[in-house]
């Protein structure tokens, strides 16, 4: 995924960044399952992970795509549950455009 390599530090190799993204998104998936992190679906269909602190430059959209493609079924179920609770599905076009929130889903911004 492009988000694996987008925000590398100057001394970080591509392989190290890919490993870091995998490790951090697995930790996010574990936090979702345990309830330490919550998912919110915005009115525009974008996704935000609430209380996710150790993100290492990984966007919510990137983490969402990784969890849905290779994450645990329990973490995927938490995301589906958030869709049900919000009454709307996550919009794949919003995710692809990079729509995101910097304030826990109060306001939303197009990708930048």
C-alpha atoms as a PDB file:
ATOM      1  CA  UNK A   1       0.000   0.000   0.000  1.00  0.00           C
ATOM      2  CA  UNK A   2       1.160   3.501  -0.722  1.00  0.00           C
ATOM      3  CA  UNK A   3       0.666   4.510   2.897  1.00  0.00           C
ATOM      4  CA  UNK A   4       3.327   1.997   3.883  1.00  0.00           C
ATOM      5  CA  UNK A   5       6.018   4.186   2.370  1.00  0.00           C
ATOM      6  CA  UNK A   6       4.580   7.690   2.309  1.00  0.00           C
ATOM      7  CA  UNK A   7       5.924   8.968   5.644  1.00  0.00           C
ATOM      8  CA  UNK A   8       9.321   7.394   6.070  1.00  0.00           C
ATOM      9  CA  UNK A   9      11.862   9.063   8.306  1.00  0.00           C
ATOM     10  CA  UNK A  10      15.124  10.007   6.542  1.00  0.00           C
ATOM     11  CA  UNK A  11      17.051   7.091   8.062  1.00  0.00           C
ATOM     12  CA  UNK A  12      14.254   4.533   7.629  1.00  0.00           C
ATOM     13  CA  UNK A  13      14.425   1.953   4.866  1.00  0.00           C
ATOM     14  CA  UNK A  14      11.367   0.934   2.879  1.00  0.00           C
ATOM     15  CA  UNK A  15      11.355  -2.498   4.544  1.00  0.00           C
ATOM     16  CA  UNK A  16      11.543  -0.911   7.994  1.00  0.00           C
ATOM     17  CA  UNK A  17       8.604   1.373   7.208  1.00  0.00           C
ATOM     18  CA  UNK A  18       6.488  -1.501   5.902  1.00  0.00           C
ATOM     19  CA  UNK A  19       7.256  -3.472   9.073  1.00  0.00           C
ATOM     20  CA  UNK A  20       6.423  -0.449  11.241  1.00  0.00           C
ATOM     21  CA  UNK A  21       3.067   0.064   9.530  1.00  0.00           C
ATOM     22  CA  UNK A  22       2.201  -3.605   9.960  1.00  0.00           C
ATOM     23  CA  UNK A  23       3.159  -3.516  13.647  1.00  0.00           C
ATOM     24  CA  UNK A  24       1.252  -0.284  14.377  1.00  0.00           C
ATOM     25  CA  UNK A  25      -1.891  -1.353  12.525  1.00  0.00           C
ATOM     26  CA  UNK A  26      -1.829  -4.705  14.339  1.00  0.00           C
ATOM     27  CA  UNK A  27      -1.608  -2.796  17.622  1.00  0.00           C
ATOM     28  CA  UNK A  28      -4.558  -0.673  16.453  1.00  0.00           C
ATOM     29  CA  UNK A  29      -6.554  -3.787  15.596  1.00  0.00           C
ATOM     30  CA  UNK A  30      -5.813  -5.197  19.061  1.00  0.00           C
ATOM     31  CA  UNK A  31      -6.892  -1.892  20.645  1.00  0.00           C
ATOM     32  CA  UNK A  32     -10.136  -1.964  18.634  1.00  0.00           C
ATOM     33  CA  UNK A  33     -10.924  -5.469  19.817  1.00  0.00           C
ATOM     34  CA  UNK A  34     -10.182  -4.583  23.449  1.00  0.00           C
ATOM     35  CA  UNK A  35     -12.214  -1.371  23.256  1.00  0.00           C
ATOM     36  CA  UNK A  36      -9.300   1.006  23.969  1.00  0.00           C
ATOM     37  CA  UNK A  37      -9.837   2.585  20.535  1.00  0.00           C
ATOM     38  CA  UNK A  38     -13.231   3.324  19.014  1.00  0.00           C
ATOM     39  CA  UNK A  39     -14.280   3.798  15.387  1.00  0.00           C
ATOM     40  CA  UNK A  40     -16.436   6.677  14.208  1.00  0.00           C
ATOM     41  CA  UNK A  41     -18.029   6.937  10.774  1.00  0.00           C
ATOM     42  CA  UNK A  42     -18.584  10.519   9.712  1.00  0.00           C
ATOM     43  CA  UNK A  43     -21.680  11.843   7.952  1.00  0.00           C
ATOM     44  CA  UNK A  44     -19.584  11.861   4.769  1.00  0.00           C
ATOM     45  CA  UNK A  45     -18.687   8.181   5.164  1.00  0.00           C
ATOM     46  CA  UNK A  46     -15.108   8.849   6.242  1.00  0.00           C
ATOM     47  CA  UNK A  47     -13.551   6.898   9.091  1.00  0.00           C
ATOM     48  CA  UNK A  48     -11.680   8.043  12.197  1.00  0.00           C
ATOM     49  CA  UNK A  49     -10.165   6.013  15.025  1.00  0.00           C
ATOM     50  CA  UNK A  50     -10.753   7.695  18.376  1.00  0.00           C
ATOM     51  CA  UNK A  51      -8.054   7.527  21.083  1.00  0.00           C
ATOM     52  CA  UNK A  52      -5.458   6.049  18.719  1.00  0.00           C
ATOM     53  CA  UNK A  53      -2.294   7.717  19.973  1.00  0.00           C
ATOM     54  CA  UNK A  54       0.649   5.699  18.634  1.00  0.00           C
ATOM     55  CA  UNK A  55      -0.033   6.106  14.926  1.00  0.00           C
ATOM     56  CA  UNK A  56       3.521   6.716  13.632  1.00  0.00           C
ATOM     57  CA  UNK A  57       2.305   8.930  10.805  1.00  0.00           C
ATOM     58  CA  UNK A  58      -0.272   6.382   9.617  1.00  0.00           C
ATOM     59  CA  UNK A  59      -3.541   7.909   8.495  1.00  0.00           C
ATOM     60  CA  UNK A  60      -6.916   6.583   9.583  1.00  0.00           C
ATOM     61  CA  UNK A  61      -7.704   5.739   5.952  1.00  0.00           C
ATOM     62  CA  UNK A  62      -4.503   3.737   5.568  1.00  0.00           C
ATOM     63  CA  UNK A  63      -5.100   1.860   8.821  1.00  0.00           C
ATOM     64  CA  UNK A  64      -8.708   1.164   7.809  1.00  0.00           C
ATOM     65  CA  UNK A  65      -7.644  -0.249   4.419  1.00  0.00           C
ATOM     66  CA  UNK A  66      -4.972  -2.438   6.011  1.00  0.00           C
ATOM     67  CA  UNK A  67      -7.308  -3.806   8.695  1.00  0.00           C
ATOM     68  CA  UNK A  68     -10.057  -4.540   6.178  1.00  0.00           C
ATOM     69  CA  UNK A  69      -7.656  -6.272   3.783  1.00  0.00           C
ATOM     70  CA  UNK A  70      -5.421  -8.162   6.209  1.00  0.00           C
ATOM     71  CA  UNK A  71      -6.589  -7.515   9.761  1.00  0.00           C
ATOM     72  CA  UNK A  72      -8.260  -9.756  12.263  1.00  0.00           C
ATOM     73  CA  UNK A  73     -11.906 -10.628  11.808  1.00  0.00           C
ATOM     74  CA  UNK A  74     -12.630  -9.273  15.282  1.00  0.00           C
ATOM     75  CA  UNK A  75     -11.207  -5.852  14.354  1.00  0.00           C
ATOM     76  CA  UNK A  76     -13.174  -5.914  11.108  1.00  0.00           C
ATOM     77  CA  UNK A  77     -16.293  -6.726  13.108  1.00  0.00           C
ATOM     78  CA  UNK A  78     -15.694  -3.659  15.312  1.00  0.00           C
ATOM     79  CA  UNK A  79     -15.556  -1.499  12.188  1.00  0.00           C
ATOM     80  CA  UNK A  80     -18.753  -3.072  10.860  1.00  0.00           C
ATOM     81  CA  UNK A  81     -20.373  -2.507  14.245  1.00  0.00           C
ATOM     82  CA  UNK A  82     -19.446   1.201  14.041  1.00  0.00           C
ATOM     83  CA  UNK A  83     -21.115   1.361  10.630  1.00  0.00           C
ATOM     84  CA  UNK A  84     -24.278  -0.166  12.075  1.00  0.00           C
ATOM     85  CA  UNK A  85     -24.259   2.181  15.064  1.00  0.00           C
ATOM     86  CA  UNK A  86     -23.819   5.250  12.839  1.00  0.00           C
ATOM     87  CA  UNK A  87     -26.467   4.112  10.378  1.00  0.00           C
ATOM     88  CA  UNK A  88     -24.148   4.497   7.388  1.00  0.00           C
ATOM     89  CA  UNK A  89     -21.402   2.576   5.656  1.00  0.00           C
ATOM     90  CA  UNK A  90     -17.851   3.759   5.261  1.00  0.00           C
ATOM     91  CA  UNK A  91     -17.631   5.384   1.831  1.00  0.00           C
ATOM     92  CA  UNK A  92     -14.730   3.842  -0.084  1.00  0.00           C
ATOM     93  CA  UNK A  93     -14.495   6.951  -2.279  1.00  0.00           C
ATOM     94  CA  UNK A  94     -14.098   9.172   0.798  1.00  0.00           C
ATOM     95  CA  UNK A  95     -11.394   6.830   2.076  1.00  0.00           C
ATOM     96  CA  UNK A  96      -9.651   6.916  -1.312  1.00  0.00           C
ATOM     97  CA  UNK A  97      -9.796  10.732  -1.402  1.00  0.00           C
ATOM     98  CA  UNK A  98      -8.192  10.849   2.030  1.00  0.00           C
ATOM     99  CA  UNK A  99     -11.085  12.550   3.801  1.00  0.00           C
ATOM    100  CA  UNK A 100     -10.035  12.753   7.438  1.00  0.00           C
ATOM    101  CA  UNK A 101     -10.583  14.426  10.785  1.00  0.00           C
ATOM    102  CA  UNK A 102      -8.072  16.025  13.133  1.00  0.00           C
ATOM    103  CA  UNK A 103     -10.530  16.396  16.003  1.00  0.00           C
ATOM    104  CA  UNK A 104     -12.169  13.010  16.491  1.00  0.00           C
ATOM    105  CA  UNK A 105     -14.808  13.432  13.819  1.00  0.00           C
ATOM    106  CA  UNK A 106     -16.175  16.870  14.725  1.00  0.00           C
ATOM    107  CA  UNK A 107     -14.906  18.381  11.470  1.00  0.00           C
ATOM    108  CA  UNK A 108     -13.718  16.732   8.264  1.00  0.00           C
ATOM    109  CA  UNK A 109     -11.138  17.724   5.673  1.00  0.00           C
ATOM    110  CA  UNK A 110     -10.457  16.542   2.154  1.00  0.00           C
ATOM    111  CA  UNK A 111      -7.103  14.839   1.690  1.00  0.00           C
ATOM    112  CA  UNK A 112      -3.968  16.947   2.002  1.00  0.00           C
END
